[in-house]
N, C-alpha and C. Protein backbone atom coordinates (compact mmCIF):
# COMPACT_ATOMS: atom_id res chain seq x y z
N MET A 1 46.53 -4.04 22.10
CA MET A 1 47.18 -3.99 20.78
C MET A 1 46.77 -2.74 20.01
N PHE A 2 45.52 -2.26 20.24
CA PHE A 2 45.02 -1.12 19.50
C PHE A 2 45.21 0.19 20.25
N GLU A 3 45.97 0.15 21.35
CA GLU A 3 46.13 1.35 22.17
C GLU A 3 47.46 2.03 21.89
N THR A 4 47.80 2.15 20.62
CA THR A 4 49.10 2.69 20.22
C THR A 4 48.97 4.05 19.55
N ARG A 5 47.76 4.61 19.54
CA ARG A 5 47.52 5.84 18.79
C ARG A 5 48.29 7.03 19.36
N PRO A 6 49.01 7.77 18.50
CA PRO A 6 49.67 9.00 18.97
C PRO A 6 48.60 10.01 19.41
N ASP A 7 48.98 10.91 20.29
CA ASP A 7 48.04 11.91 20.81
C ASP A 7 47.89 13.04 19.80
N ARG A 8 46.99 12.84 18.84
CA ARG A 8 46.75 13.81 17.77
C ARG A 8 45.27 14.16 17.72
N GLU A 9 45.00 15.42 17.35
CA GLU A 9 43.62 15.89 17.31
C GLU A 9 42.91 15.57 16.00
N ALA A 10 43.65 15.30 14.93
CA ALA A 10 43.05 15.02 13.62
C ALA A 10 43.59 13.71 13.07
N GLU A 11 42.70 12.95 12.42
CA GLU A 11 43.09 11.63 11.93
C GLU A 11 42.29 11.27 10.69
N VAL A 12 42.93 10.52 9.81
CA VAL A 12 42.25 9.85 8.70
C VAL A 12 42.58 8.37 8.84
N VAL A 13 41.55 7.50 8.72
CA VAL A 13 41.79 6.06 8.86
C VAL A 13 41.53 5.34 7.53
N LEU A 14 42.30 4.28 7.30
CA LEU A 14 42.10 3.39 6.17
C LEU A 14 41.58 2.06 6.71
N VAL A 15 40.48 1.58 6.14
CA VAL A 15 39.91 0.30 6.56
C VAL A 15 39.53 -0.51 5.32
N GLY A 16 39.33 -1.80 5.50
CA GLY A 16 38.91 -2.63 4.38
C GLY A 16 39.27 -4.09 4.58
N ARG A 17 38.80 -4.93 3.68
CA ARG A 17 39.13 -6.34 3.73
C ARG A 17 40.63 -6.54 3.56
N SER A 18 41.10 -7.71 3.96
CA SER A 18 42.50 -8.05 3.75
C SER A 18 42.80 -8.13 2.25
N ASN A 19 44.00 -7.73 1.90
CA ASN A 19 44.52 -7.90 0.55
C ASN A 19 43.86 -7.02 -0.50
N VAL A 20 43.32 -5.87 -0.09
CA VAL A 20 42.74 -4.94 -1.07
C VAL A 20 43.73 -3.83 -1.44
N GLY A 21 44.87 -3.79 -0.76
CA GLY A 21 45.90 -2.80 -1.10
C GLY A 21 45.99 -1.63 -0.16
N LYS A 22 45.51 -1.78 1.09
CA LYS A 22 45.57 -0.67 2.04
C LYS A 22 47.01 -0.24 2.34
N SER A 23 47.88 -1.22 2.56
CA SER A 23 49.26 -0.88 2.90
C SER A 23 49.98 -0.22 1.73
N THR A 24 49.68 -0.68 0.52
CA THR A 24 50.26 -0.04 -0.66
C THR A 24 49.76 1.39 -0.79
N LEU A 25 48.49 1.60 -0.53
CA LEU A 25 47.92 2.95 -0.57
C LEU A 25 48.56 3.82 0.51
N MET A 26 48.73 3.28 1.70
CA MET A 26 49.37 4.03 2.78
C MET A 26 50.77 4.47 2.39
N ARG A 27 51.50 3.58 1.75
CA ARG A 27 52.85 3.91 1.29
C ARG A 27 52.82 5.05 0.28
N GLU A 28 51.82 5.03 -0.58
CA GLU A 28 51.70 6.07 -1.61
C GLU A 28 51.35 7.42 -0.98
N ILE A 29 50.47 7.41 0.02
CA ILE A 29 50.07 8.66 0.68
C ILE A 29 51.20 9.25 1.51
N THR A 30 51.88 8.41 2.29
CA THR A 30 52.83 8.91 3.27
C THR A 30 54.26 9.00 2.76
N GLY A 31 54.58 8.17 1.76
CA GLY A 31 55.97 8.10 1.31
C GLY A 31 56.82 7.19 2.17
N TYR A 32 56.21 6.60 3.20
CA TYR A 32 56.94 5.66 4.06
C TYR A 32 56.91 4.27 3.45
N ASP A 33 57.94 3.49 3.76
CA ASP A 33 58.02 2.12 3.26
C ASP A 33 57.17 1.22 4.16
N VAL A 34 55.93 1.00 3.74
CA VAL A 34 54.98 0.25 4.54
C VAL A 34 55.05 -1.23 4.17
N ALA A 35 55.05 -2.09 5.17
CA ALA A 35 55.06 -3.53 4.92
C ALA A 35 53.79 -3.93 4.19
N ALA A 36 53.94 -4.58 3.06
CA ALA A 36 52.79 -5.07 2.31
C ALA A 36 53.15 -6.43 1.74
N GLY A 37 52.16 -7.27 1.58
CA GLY A 37 52.44 -8.59 1.05
C GLY A 37 51.25 -9.16 0.31
N LYS A 38 51.47 -10.22 -0.46
CA LYS A 38 50.38 -10.84 -1.21
C LYS A 38 49.51 -11.71 -0.32
N ARG A 39 50.04 -12.12 0.82
CA ARG A 39 49.26 -12.98 1.71
C ARG A 39 48.33 -12.13 2.57
N PRO A 40 47.01 -12.43 2.57
CA PRO A 40 46.08 -11.64 3.38
C PRO A 40 46.44 -11.70 4.86
N GLY A 41 46.21 -10.58 5.54
CA GLY A 41 46.41 -10.56 6.98
C GLY A 41 47.78 -10.14 7.43
N VAL A 42 48.58 -9.50 6.54
CA VAL A 42 49.90 -9.05 6.94
C VAL A 42 49.80 -8.02 8.06
N THR A 43 48.82 -7.11 7.96
CA THR A 43 48.61 -6.08 8.98
C THR A 43 47.58 -6.57 9.99
N GLN A 44 48.01 -6.82 11.24
CA GLN A 44 47.08 -7.28 12.27
C GLN A 44 46.97 -6.30 13.43
N LYS A 45 47.67 -5.19 13.35
CA LYS A 45 47.50 -4.13 14.34
C LYS A 45 47.61 -2.79 13.61
N PRO A 46 47.13 -1.70 14.20
CA PRO A 46 47.16 -0.41 13.50
C PRO A 46 48.58 0.04 13.18
N ASN A 47 48.73 0.60 12.00
CA ASN A 47 49.97 1.28 11.64
C ASN A 47 49.68 2.76 11.60
N HIS A 48 50.36 3.54 12.46
CA HIS A 48 50.14 4.98 12.54
C HIS A 48 51.30 5.73 11.90
N TYR A 49 50.97 6.79 11.17
CA TYR A 49 51.99 7.65 10.58
C TYR A 49 51.67 9.07 10.97
N ASP A 50 52.48 9.60 11.88
CA ASP A 50 52.25 10.98 12.30
C ASP A 50 53.49 11.80 11.97
N TRP A 51 53.32 13.09 12.00
CA TRP A 51 54.39 14.00 11.62
C TRP A 51 54.71 14.89 12.81
N VAL A 52 55.97 15.30 12.90
CA VAL A 52 56.42 16.08 14.05
C VAL A 52 55.68 17.41 14.14
N GLY A 53 55.45 18.05 12.98
CA GLY A 53 54.83 19.37 13.00
C GLY A 53 53.32 19.34 13.17
N PRO A 54 52.59 19.00 12.11
CA PRO A 54 51.12 19.08 12.16
C PRO A 54 50.50 18.12 13.17
N ASP A 55 49.38 18.54 13.73
CA ASP A 55 48.66 17.73 14.71
C ASP A 55 47.76 16.76 13.96
N PHE A 56 48.36 15.75 13.35
CA PHE A 56 47.64 14.88 12.43
C PHE A 56 48.28 13.51 12.38
N VAL A 57 47.44 12.47 12.29
CA VAL A 57 47.92 11.10 12.13
C VAL A 57 47.05 10.40 11.10
N ILE A 58 47.68 9.57 10.29
CA ILE A 58 46.92 8.71 9.37
C ILE A 58 47.16 7.27 9.82
N THR A 59 46.08 6.50 9.88
CA THR A 59 46.15 5.15 10.46
C THR A 59 45.64 4.10 9.48
N ASP A 60 46.45 3.10 9.28
CA ASP A 60 46.08 1.93 8.48
C ASP A 60 45.62 0.86 9.46
N LEU A 61 44.30 0.64 9.52
CA LEU A 61 43.77 -0.36 10.44
C LEU A 61 43.85 -1.75 9.81
N PRO A 62 43.92 -2.80 10.62
CA PRO A 62 44.07 -4.16 10.08
C PRO A 62 42.94 -4.53 9.12
N GLY A 63 43.25 -5.41 8.19
CA GLY A 63 42.23 -5.91 7.28
C GLY A 63 41.31 -6.88 8.00
N PHE A 64 40.09 -7.01 7.47
CA PHE A 64 39.15 -7.98 8.04
C PHE A 64 38.75 -8.96 6.95
N GLY A 65 38.04 -10.00 7.34
CA GLY A 65 37.69 -11.04 6.38
C GLY A 65 38.71 -12.16 6.42
N PHE A 66 38.87 -12.86 5.31
CA PHE A 66 39.77 -14.01 5.26
C PHE A 66 41.22 -13.59 5.46
N MET A 67 41.93 -14.31 6.34
CA MET A 67 43.36 -14.12 6.51
C MET A 67 43.98 -15.50 6.63
N GLU A 68 44.84 -15.83 5.72
CA GLU A 68 45.45 -17.16 5.70
C GLU A 68 46.22 -17.42 7.00
N GLY A 69 45.89 -18.53 7.66
CA GLY A 69 46.61 -18.91 8.85
C GLY A 69 46.16 -18.21 10.12
N VAL A 70 45.12 -17.36 10.01
CA VAL A 70 44.62 -16.65 11.20
C VAL A 70 43.30 -17.30 11.63
N PRO A 71 43.19 -17.80 12.86
CA PRO A 71 41.97 -18.47 13.32
C PRO A 71 40.75 -17.56 13.28
N ALA A 72 39.58 -18.16 13.15
CA ALA A 72 38.33 -17.40 13.04
C ALA A 72 38.09 -16.50 14.24
N ASP A 73 38.38 -16.99 15.44
CA ASP A 73 38.14 -16.15 16.62
C ASP A 73 39.07 -14.94 16.66
N ARG A 74 40.28 -15.11 16.15
CA ARG A 74 41.21 -13.97 16.07
C ARG A 74 40.72 -12.95 15.04
N ARG A 75 40.19 -13.45 13.92
CA ARG A 75 39.65 -12.54 12.90
C ARG A 75 38.50 -11.73 13.46
N GLU A 76 37.61 -12.37 14.22
CA GLU A 76 36.48 -11.68 14.83
C GLU A 76 36.95 -10.65 15.85
N ALA A 77 37.99 -11.00 16.60
CA ALA A 77 38.53 -10.08 17.60
C ALA A 77 39.11 -8.84 16.93
N ILE A 78 39.78 -9.03 15.80
CA ILE A 78 40.34 -7.90 15.06
C ILE A 78 39.21 -6.98 14.59
N LYS A 79 38.15 -7.58 14.07
CA LYS A 79 37.01 -6.78 13.59
C LYS A 79 36.39 -5.97 14.74
N THR A 80 36.25 -6.61 15.89
CA THR A 80 35.71 -5.92 17.07
C THR A 80 36.63 -4.77 17.49
N ASP A 81 37.93 -5.01 17.46
CA ASP A 81 38.90 -3.97 17.82
C ASP A 81 38.84 -2.78 16.86
N ILE A 82 38.62 -3.06 15.56
CA ILE A 82 38.51 -1.99 14.57
C ILE A 82 37.31 -1.10 14.90
N VAL A 83 36.17 -1.73 15.17
CA VAL A 83 34.95 -0.98 15.49
C VAL A 83 35.15 -0.15 16.76
N ARG A 84 35.76 -0.75 17.76
CA ARG A 84 35.98 -0.06 19.03
C ARG A 84 36.93 1.13 18.84
N TYR A 85 37.96 0.95 18.03
CA TYR A 85 38.92 2.02 17.76
C TYR A 85 38.21 3.20 17.11
N ILE A 86 37.41 2.91 16.09
CA ILE A 86 36.71 3.98 15.38
C ILE A 86 35.73 4.70 16.30
N GLU A 87 35.00 3.94 17.09
CA GLU A 87 34.05 4.54 18.04
C GLU A 87 34.77 5.46 19.03
N THR A 88 35.87 4.99 19.55
CA THR A 88 36.61 5.72 20.57
C THR A 88 37.13 7.06 20.04
N HIS A 89 37.59 7.06 18.78
CA HIS A 89 38.26 8.25 18.24
C HIS A 89 37.42 8.98 17.19
N ALA A 90 36.13 8.67 17.11
CA ALA A 90 35.27 9.19 16.05
C ALA A 90 35.31 10.72 15.93
N GLU A 91 35.35 11.41 17.06
CA GLU A 91 35.32 12.87 17.01
C GLU A 91 36.57 13.46 16.38
N LYS A 92 37.64 12.70 16.35
CA LYS A 92 38.91 13.20 15.80
C LYS A 92 39.17 12.69 14.38
N ILE A 93 38.37 11.72 13.93
CA ILE A 93 38.58 11.14 12.60
C ILE A 93 37.81 11.97 11.56
N LEU A 94 38.54 12.61 10.66
CA LEU A 94 37.93 13.53 9.71
C LEU A 94 37.46 12.84 8.43
N ALA A 95 37.95 11.64 8.18
CA ALA A 95 37.49 10.85 7.03
C ALA A 95 37.86 9.39 7.27
N GLY A 96 36.98 8.49 6.85
CA GLY A 96 37.24 7.06 6.92
C GLY A 96 37.30 6.51 5.50
N VAL A 97 38.47 6.06 5.09
CA VAL A 97 38.67 5.56 3.73
C VAL A 97 38.48 4.05 3.71
N VAL A 98 37.39 3.60 3.08
CA VAL A 98 37.12 2.17 2.93
C VAL A 98 37.74 1.73 1.61
N VAL A 99 38.79 0.92 1.69
CA VAL A 99 39.51 0.49 0.49
C VAL A 99 38.90 -0.79 -0.05
N LEU A 100 38.58 -0.78 -1.34
CA LEU A 100 37.98 -1.95 -2.01
C LEU A 100 38.88 -2.39 -3.16
N ASP A 101 38.81 -3.67 -3.49
CA ASP A 101 39.44 -4.20 -4.70
C ASP A 101 38.41 -4.08 -5.82
N GLY A 102 38.61 -3.11 -6.71
CA GLY A 102 37.63 -2.85 -7.75
C GLY A 102 37.32 -4.05 -8.63
N SER A 103 38.31 -4.93 -8.79
CA SER A 103 38.11 -6.08 -9.68
C SER A 103 37.31 -7.20 -9.02
N ALA A 104 37.13 -7.13 -7.70
CA ALA A 104 36.46 -8.24 -6.99
C ALA A 104 35.35 -7.79 -6.06
N ALA A 105 35.21 -6.47 -5.82
CA ALA A 105 34.31 -5.98 -4.78
C ALA A 105 32.86 -6.41 -4.97
N VAL A 106 32.34 -6.29 -6.19
CA VAL A 106 30.92 -6.61 -6.43
C VAL A 106 30.67 -8.09 -6.15
N GLU A 107 31.56 -8.94 -6.63
CA GLU A 107 31.39 -10.39 -6.43
C GLU A 107 31.45 -10.74 -4.94
N ILE A 108 32.37 -10.13 -4.21
CA ILE A 108 32.51 -10.41 -2.78
C ILE A 108 31.29 -9.91 -2.02
N ILE A 109 30.84 -8.70 -2.33
CA ILE A 109 29.67 -8.13 -1.65
C ILE A 109 28.43 -8.99 -1.91
N ASP A 110 28.23 -9.37 -3.16
CA ASP A 110 27.05 -10.18 -3.50
C ASP A 110 27.10 -11.55 -2.84
N ARG A 111 28.30 -12.11 -2.73
CA ARG A 111 28.45 -13.44 -2.12
C ARG A 111 28.07 -13.41 -0.65
N HIS A 112 28.33 -12.28 0.01
CA HIS A 112 28.07 -12.17 1.45
C HIS A 112 26.77 -11.45 1.77
N SER A 113 25.97 -11.16 0.76
CA SER A 113 24.69 -10.49 0.99
C SER A 113 23.59 -11.53 1.13
N GLY A 114 22.66 -11.26 2.02
CA GLY A 114 21.54 -12.18 2.21
C GLY A 114 20.53 -11.58 3.16
N PRO A 115 19.42 -12.30 3.39
CA PRO A 115 18.35 -11.80 4.26
C PRO A 115 18.83 -11.46 5.68
N GLU A 116 19.83 -12.22 6.15
CA GLU A 116 20.28 -12.03 7.53
C GLU A 116 21.76 -11.64 7.61
N SER A 117 22.33 -11.19 6.49
CA SER A 117 23.75 -10.84 6.52
C SER A 117 24.01 -9.57 5.71
N VAL A 118 24.96 -8.78 6.21
CA VAL A 118 25.41 -7.58 5.51
C VAL A 118 26.91 -7.71 5.31
N PRO A 119 27.41 -7.54 4.09
CA PRO A 119 28.85 -7.65 3.86
C PRO A 119 29.63 -6.69 4.76
N HIS A 120 30.80 -7.11 5.21
CA HIS A 120 31.59 -6.32 6.15
C HIS A 120 31.83 -4.90 5.66
N ALA A 121 32.23 -4.76 4.40
CA ALA A 121 32.58 -3.43 3.87
C ALA A 121 31.36 -2.51 3.88
N VAL A 122 30.20 -3.05 3.50
CA VAL A 122 28.97 -2.25 3.48
C VAL A 122 28.58 -1.87 4.91
N GLU A 123 28.72 -2.83 5.82
CA GLU A 123 28.41 -2.58 7.22
C GLU A 123 29.32 -1.49 7.79
N LEU A 124 30.60 -1.56 7.46
CA LEU A 124 31.56 -0.59 7.96
C LEU A 124 31.30 0.80 7.38
N PHE A 125 30.95 0.86 6.13
CA PHE A 125 30.61 2.13 5.48
C PHE A 125 29.45 2.81 6.22
N GLY A 126 28.41 2.04 6.52
CA GLY A 126 27.26 2.57 7.26
C GLY A 126 27.63 2.96 8.67
N PHE A 127 28.50 2.16 9.28
CA PHE A 127 28.94 2.45 10.65
C PHE A 127 29.69 3.78 10.72
N LEU A 128 30.57 4.03 9.76
CA LEU A 128 31.30 5.30 9.73
C LEU A 128 30.32 6.47 9.69
N ARG A 129 29.32 6.35 8.84
CA ARG A 129 28.31 7.41 8.75
C ARG A 129 27.56 7.57 10.07
N ASP A 130 27.23 6.45 10.68
CA ASP A 130 26.45 6.48 11.93
C ASP A 130 27.18 7.21 13.05
N VAL A 131 28.52 7.10 13.06
CA VAL A 131 29.28 7.77 14.12
C VAL A 131 29.80 9.13 13.68
N GLY A 132 29.31 9.61 12.54
CA GLY A 132 29.61 10.96 12.09
C GLY A 132 30.92 11.14 11.35
N ILE A 133 31.47 10.05 10.82
CA ILE A 133 32.72 10.13 10.05
C ILE A 133 32.39 10.05 8.56
N PRO A 134 32.78 11.04 7.74
CA PRO A 134 32.53 10.97 6.31
C PRO A 134 33.29 9.79 5.69
N PRO A 135 32.57 8.84 5.06
CA PRO A 135 33.27 7.72 4.44
C PRO A 135 33.63 8.00 2.98
N VAL A 136 34.76 7.47 2.55
CA VAL A 136 35.18 7.54 1.15
C VAL A 136 35.49 6.12 0.69
N LEU A 137 34.92 5.72 -0.43
CA LEU A 137 35.23 4.41 -1.01
C LEU A 137 36.41 4.58 -1.96
N ALA A 138 37.58 4.07 -1.58
CA ALA A 138 38.75 4.09 -2.45
C ALA A 138 38.73 2.78 -3.24
N VAL A 139 38.26 2.85 -4.47
CA VAL A 139 38.11 1.65 -5.30
C VAL A 139 39.44 1.40 -6.00
N ASN A 140 40.22 0.48 -5.42
CA ASN A 140 41.59 0.24 -5.85
C ASN A 140 41.66 -0.80 -6.98
N LYS A 141 42.84 -0.91 -7.55
CA LYS A 141 43.14 -1.90 -8.60
C LYS A 141 42.28 -1.68 -9.84
N MET A 142 42.00 -0.40 -10.14
CA MET A 142 41.17 -0.10 -11.32
C MET A 142 41.85 -0.47 -12.63
N ASP A 143 43.15 -0.69 -12.60
CA ASP A 143 43.86 -1.13 -13.81
C ASP A 143 43.45 -2.54 -14.22
N LYS A 144 42.81 -3.27 -13.30
CA LYS A 144 42.38 -4.64 -13.60
C LYS A 144 40.90 -4.71 -14.00
N VAL A 145 40.26 -3.55 -14.12
CA VAL A 145 38.83 -3.51 -14.41
C VAL A 145 38.61 -3.22 -15.90
N ASP A 146 37.71 -3.99 -16.52
CA ASP A 146 37.45 -3.82 -17.95
C ASP A 146 36.61 -2.58 -18.24
N SER A 147 35.45 -2.50 -17.63
CA SER A 147 34.54 -1.37 -17.88
C SER A 147 34.46 -0.50 -16.63
N ARG A 148 35.21 0.58 -16.64
CA ARG A 148 35.35 1.46 -15.48
C ARG A 148 34.00 1.96 -14.96
N ASP A 149 33.20 2.57 -15.80
CA ASP A 149 31.94 3.17 -15.36
C ASP A 149 30.96 2.10 -14.87
N ASP A 150 30.88 0.98 -15.56
CA ASP A 150 29.98 -0.10 -15.14
C ASP A 150 30.39 -0.62 -13.76
N CYS A 151 31.68 -0.80 -13.56
CA CYS A 151 32.20 -1.29 -12.28
C CYS A 151 31.86 -0.31 -11.15
N LEU A 152 32.13 0.96 -11.37
CA LEU A 152 31.92 1.96 -10.32
C LEU A 152 30.43 2.18 -10.06
N ASP A 153 29.61 2.09 -11.11
CA ASP A 153 28.16 2.19 -10.91
C ASP A 153 27.66 1.03 -10.05
N ALA A 154 28.17 -0.18 -10.34
CA ALA A 154 27.73 -1.37 -9.61
C ALA A 154 28.18 -1.30 -8.14
N ILE A 155 29.40 -0.85 -7.91
CA ILE A 155 29.89 -0.72 -6.54
C ILE A 155 29.07 0.33 -5.78
N GLY A 156 28.87 1.48 -6.39
CA GLY A 156 28.08 2.53 -5.75
C GLY A 156 26.70 2.03 -5.38
N ASP A 157 26.09 1.27 -6.27
CA ASP A 157 24.75 0.74 -6.05
C ASP A 157 24.70 -0.13 -4.79
N ARG A 158 25.75 -0.93 -4.58
CA ARG A 158 25.78 -1.82 -3.41
C ARG A 158 25.90 -1.04 -2.09
N PHE A 159 26.37 0.20 -2.17
CA PHE A 159 26.51 1.02 -0.97
C PHE A 159 25.41 2.07 -0.86
N GLY A 160 24.37 1.93 -1.67
CA GLY A 160 23.27 2.89 -1.63
C GLY A 160 23.59 4.22 -2.30
N LEU A 161 24.65 4.24 -3.10
CA LEU A 161 25.03 5.44 -3.84
C LEU A 161 24.61 5.21 -5.30
N TYR A 162 23.41 5.61 -5.62
CA TYR A 162 22.79 5.18 -6.86
C TYR A 162 23.44 5.82 -8.08
N PRO A 163 23.58 5.04 -9.15
CA PRO A 163 24.25 5.50 -10.37
C PRO A 163 23.57 6.73 -10.97
N PRO A 164 24.35 7.51 -11.73
CA PRO A 164 25.77 7.29 -12.08
C PRO A 164 26.72 7.65 -10.95
N TRP A 165 27.83 6.93 -10.90
CA TRP A 165 28.78 7.09 -9.81
C TRP A 165 29.40 8.47 -9.77
N ARG A 166 29.45 9.15 -10.92
CA ARG A 166 30.14 10.44 -10.98
C ARG A 166 29.49 11.52 -10.12
N GLN A 167 28.24 11.31 -9.74
CA GLN A 167 27.61 12.29 -8.85
C GLN A 167 28.07 12.12 -7.40
N TRP A 168 28.89 11.10 -7.15
CA TRP A 168 29.36 10.81 -5.79
C TRP A 168 30.87 10.93 -5.69
N GLN A 169 31.46 11.88 -6.38
CA GLN A 169 32.92 11.93 -6.42
C GLN A 169 33.55 12.37 -5.09
N ASP A 170 32.72 12.84 -4.15
CA ASP A 170 33.24 13.09 -2.80
C ASP A 170 33.27 11.80 -1.98
N THR A 171 32.68 10.73 -2.54
CA THR A 171 32.57 9.46 -1.81
C THR A 171 33.16 8.28 -2.56
N ILE A 172 33.09 8.27 -3.88
CA ILE A 172 33.64 7.17 -4.69
C ILE A 172 34.89 7.66 -5.41
N ALA A 173 36.03 7.05 -5.09
CA ALA A 173 37.31 7.48 -5.65
C ALA A 173 38.03 6.31 -6.32
N PRO A 174 38.01 6.22 -7.65
CA PRO A 174 38.73 5.15 -8.34
C PRO A 174 40.24 5.42 -8.33
N ILE A 175 41.01 4.42 -7.90
CA ILE A 175 42.46 4.58 -7.79
C ILE A 175 43.19 3.32 -8.24
N THR A 176 44.47 3.46 -8.50
CA THR A 176 45.37 2.31 -8.67
C THR A 176 46.62 2.64 -7.86
N ALA A 177 46.60 2.27 -6.59
CA ALA A 177 47.66 2.67 -5.66
C ALA A 177 49.03 2.18 -6.10
N LYS A 178 49.08 0.98 -6.66
CA LYS A 178 50.37 0.39 -7.04
C LYS A 178 51.07 1.22 -8.10
N ARG A 179 50.30 1.95 -8.89
CA ARG A 179 50.86 2.79 -9.95
C ARG A 179 50.91 4.27 -9.57
N GLY A 180 50.57 4.55 -8.31
CA GLY A 180 50.62 5.93 -7.85
C GLY A 180 49.47 6.80 -8.30
N ASN A 181 48.41 6.17 -8.81
CA ASN A 181 47.26 6.92 -9.30
C ASN A 181 46.21 7.03 -8.20
N ILE A 182 46.35 8.06 -7.35
CA ILE A 182 45.42 8.22 -6.23
C ILE A 182 44.81 9.63 -6.19
N ASP A 183 44.85 10.33 -7.31
CA ASP A 183 44.35 11.71 -7.34
C ASP A 183 42.89 11.82 -6.92
N ALA A 184 42.07 10.89 -7.37
CA ALA A 184 40.63 10.96 -7.05
C ALA A 184 40.41 10.85 -5.54
N LEU A 185 41.20 10.01 -4.88
CA LEU A 185 41.10 9.88 -3.42
C LEU A 185 41.55 11.16 -2.73
N ASN A 186 42.67 11.71 -3.20
CA ASN A 186 43.16 12.95 -2.60
C ASN A 186 42.09 14.05 -2.67
N GLN A 187 41.43 14.17 -3.80
CA GLN A 187 40.41 15.20 -3.97
C GLN A 187 39.22 14.95 -3.04
N ALA A 188 38.81 13.70 -2.92
CA ALA A 188 37.67 13.38 -2.06
C ALA A 188 38.00 13.69 -0.59
N VAL A 189 39.19 13.27 -0.15
CA VAL A 189 39.58 13.51 1.24
C VAL A 189 39.73 15.00 1.50
N ARG A 190 40.29 15.72 0.55
CA ARG A 190 40.43 17.17 0.72
C ARG A 190 39.07 17.85 0.91
N GLY A 191 38.07 17.36 0.21
CA GLY A 191 36.73 17.92 0.37
C GLY A 191 36.25 17.79 1.81
N HIS A 192 36.51 16.65 2.42
CA HIS A 192 36.07 16.44 3.80
C HIS A 192 36.94 17.20 4.80
N LEU A 193 38.23 17.34 4.49
CA LEU A 193 39.09 18.15 5.34
C LEU A 193 38.64 19.61 5.31
N HIS A 194 38.25 20.07 4.13
CA HIS A 194 37.78 21.45 3.99
C HIS A 194 36.51 21.67 4.82
N GLU A 195 35.61 20.69 4.78
CA GLU A 195 34.38 20.80 5.57
C GLU A 195 34.69 20.86 7.07
N ALA A 196 35.78 20.21 7.46
CA ALA A 196 36.19 20.22 8.86
C ALA A 196 37.08 21.43 9.19
N GLU A 197 37.23 22.33 8.20
CA GLU A 197 38.05 23.53 8.36
C GLU A 197 39.50 23.18 8.68
N ARG A 198 40.00 22.15 7.98
CA ARG A 198 41.40 21.74 8.15
C ARG A 198 42.12 21.74 6.81
N ASP A 199 42.03 22.85 6.10
CA ASP A 199 42.73 22.98 4.83
C ASP A 199 44.25 22.86 5.01
N ASP A 200 44.73 23.08 6.24
CA ASP A 200 46.17 22.98 6.51
C ASP A 200 46.68 21.56 6.29
N LEU A 201 45.77 20.58 6.26
CA LEU A 201 46.18 19.19 6.07
C LEU A 201 46.21 18.77 4.60
N PHE A 202 45.89 19.70 3.69
CA PHE A 202 45.91 19.39 2.26
C PHE A 202 47.30 18.91 1.83
N GLN A 203 48.33 19.33 2.55
CA GLN A 203 49.70 18.98 2.16
C GLN A 203 49.93 17.47 2.16
N PHE A 204 49.07 16.73 2.84
CA PHE A 204 49.26 15.29 2.92
C PHE A 204 48.46 14.53 1.86
N PHE A 205 47.59 15.25 1.13
CA PHE A 205 46.72 14.59 0.15
C PHE A 205 46.72 15.34 -1.17
């Protein structure tokens, strides 16, 4: 199911829990009409968007965590497939965008934190770094957040990015994809593309 990747040398991937707005963000970035829904788990296989000219693909990987009507073993299999996909293509992935729901991220992370557990999003963020992929936290749905700076400071803190969040603007990008407000993400991704000497890909961000 995950062996559908176009043969491209450069890639940016979107990852995150179900229902955080990855598909909406993908639609905003690409201009393509991406299937999105209110029910978690709409995307269960990678969605790739490549262009005829540039040697580049952007991939929306399936959401992880709770998915209504999806059995636990299937959810675990999807998570395993996501990790395997990233490992396999790590050398070609220039940035990994971890999409969070800004209005719920801290509560979800804290609920799943414990002596023997690491929240999926935090684990994935560390995994991206471990395999040499620059991670970017796209903190979505910021229109639903009361105190912007407090929210972003708290999220950064959970990922080891100590406050104030503004010193991490290459890594923490507050957005509202549904309203087309993704400038902070574009700037963060461009920074990593520049480091990879791929300024030619700025046209997509």
